[in-house]
Amino acid sequence: MNAPAAVAAVLAVGAITYASRAGLILFLADRPLPPNVTRALRYVGPAVLSALSISLIAGGQGIDGVTGVEVAALVAGIAAAALSRNLIVSIGVAMTTLWLLLWLT
């Protein structure tokens, strides 16, 4: 794939993504969501964080690419999520643990 085709593909995907998100915001802005949809949307953040964490651990080299520092950060993030029940706190604790342990090693 040459450079102009790659740029065109990135721009096309970006435009489609933007249009799909903006469309939902514009069409649903003045309508209340049903309670079951609202309840399901509460779990989108933790589900995405879990999927990203698992793909980080299992992706690439598989289990051979995982270090103890990454496992410690993941355990710290899970513990923070269980105690605080807050996604931002768990991400902050996990990233702080990761950076501190990487700095120490």
Protein backbone atom coordinates (compact mmCIF):
# COMPACT_ATOMS: atom_id res chain seq x y z
CA MET A 1 0.00 0.00 0.00
CA ASN A 2 1.42 3.36 -0.98
CA ALA A 3 1.30 6.50 1.20
CA PRO A 4 -1.68 8.24 -0.47
CA ALA A 5 -3.79 5.08 -0.17
CA ALA A 6 -2.85 4.69 3.49
CA VAL A 7 -3.72 8.33 4.23
CA ALA A 8 -7.03 7.95 2.39
CA ALA A 9 -7.84 4.80 4.38
CA VAL A 10 -7.07 6.51 7.69
CA LEU A 11 -9.18 9.54 6.75
CA ALA A 12 -12.08 7.35 5.62
CA VAL A 13 -12.07 5.30 8.81
CA GLY A 14 -11.80 8.49 10.87
CA ALA A 15 -14.76 10.06 9.06
CA ILE A 16 -16.89 6.93 9.51
CA THR A 17 -16.03 6.71 13.20
CA TYR A 18 -16.74 10.40 13.76
CA ALA A 19 -20.05 10.22 11.87
CA SER A 20 -21.25 7.19 13.83
CA ARG A 21 -20.46 8.78 17.18
CA ALA A 22 -21.79 12.21 16.27
CA GLY A 23 -24.95 10.66 14.85
CA LEU A 24 -25.76 8.95 18.12
CA ILE A 25 -25.13 12.12 20.08
CA LEU A 26 -27.25 14.24 17.75
CA PHE A 27 -30.16 11.82 17.44
CA LEU A 28 -30.32 10.78 21.10
CA ALA A 29 -29.48 14.11 22.74
CA ASP A 30 -33.05 15.04 23.66
CA ARG A 31 -34.37 11.53 24.35
CA PRO A 32 -33.98 9.62 27.58
CA LEU A 33 -32.41 6.19 27.28
CA PRO A 34 -34.31 3.16 28.52
CA PRO A 35 -33.23 1.98 31.99
CA ASN A 36 -31.80 -1.31 30.70
CA VAL A 37 -29.56 0.55 28.20
CA THR A 38 -28.39 2.95 30.90
CA ARG A 39 -27.62 0.02 33.19
CA ALA A 40 -25.66 -1.75 30.43
CA LEU A 41 -23.66 1.36 29.56
CA ARG A 42 -22.27 1.51 33.11
CA TYR A 43 -20.22 -1.59 32.32
CA VAL A 44 -18.68 -0.39 29.06
CA GLY A 45 -15.65 1.23 30.72
CA PRO A 46 -14.67 -1.78 32.86
CA ALA A 47 -15.27 -4.13 29.93
CA VAL A 48 -13.00 -2.12 27.64
CA LEU A 49 -10.32 -1.88 30.34
CA SER A 50 -10.50 -5.64 30.88
CA ALA A 51 -10.25 -6.34 27.16
CA LEU A 52 -7.24 -4.06 26.79
CA SER A 53 -5.52 -5.59 29.82
CA ILE A 54 -6.07 -9.14 28.64
CA SER A 55 -4.90 -8.35 25.10
CA LEU A 56 -1.78 -6.74 26.57
CA ILE A 57 -1.03 -9.82 28.63
CA ALA A 58 -1.99 -12.48 26.05
CA GLY A 59 -1.05 -10.61 22.89
CA GLY A 60 2.22 -10.61 21.03
CA GLN A 61 4.52 -13.15 22.59
CA GLY A 62 1.79 -14.73 24.72
CA ILE A 63 2.62 -15.63 28.30
CA ASP A 64 6.38 -15.48 27.59
CA GLY A 65 6.17 -11.71 27.04
CA VAL A 66 4.62 -10.96 30.43
CA THR A 67 6.88 -9.58 33.13
CA GLY A 68 6.40 -9.57 36.87
CA VAL A 69 6.09 -5.77 36.81
CA GLU A 70 3.07 -5.97 34.50
CA VAL A 71 1.43 -8.64 36.64
CA ALA A 72 2.02 -6.57 39.79
CA ALA A 73 0.46 -3.49 38.15
CA LEU A 74 -2.51 -5.55 36.99
CA VAL A 75 -3.03 -7.00 40.48
CA ALA A 76 -2.79 -3.51 42.00
CA GLY A 77 -5.35 -2.20 39.51
CA ILE A 78 -7.74 -5.07 40.22
CA ALA A 79 -7.40 -4.52 43.97
CA ALA A 80 -8.04 -0.78 43.57
CA ALA A 81 -11.08 -1.48 41.39
CA ALA A 82 -12.47 -3.93 43.94
CA LEU A 83 -11.95 -1.54 46.84
CA SER A 84 -12.92 1.78 45.25
CA ARG A 85 -15.36 0.60 42.55
CA ASN A 86 -14.03 3.51 40.48
CA LEU A 87 -12.50 3.04 37.02
CA ILE A 88 -10.33 6.16 37.14
CA VAL A 89 -8.86 5.22 40.53
CA SER A 90 -8.04 1.70 39.36
CA ILE A 91 -6.32 2.99 36.21
CA GLY A 92 -4.36 5.52 38.26
CA VAL A 93 -3.23 2.93 40.80
CA ALA A 94 -2.25 0.44 38.11
CA MET A 95 -0.30 2.97 36.06
CA THR A 96 1.42 4.43 39.14
CA THR A 97 2.41 0.93 40.24
CA LEU A 98 3.70 0.11 36.76
CA TRP A 99 5.74 3.29 36.47
CA LEU A 100 7.19 3.00 39.98
CA LEU A 101 8.19 -0.62 39.49
CA LEU A 102 9.70 0.11 36.08
CA TRP A 103 11.62 3.01 37.59
CA LEU A 104 12.92 0.82 40.43
CA THR A 105 14.07 -2.01 38.16
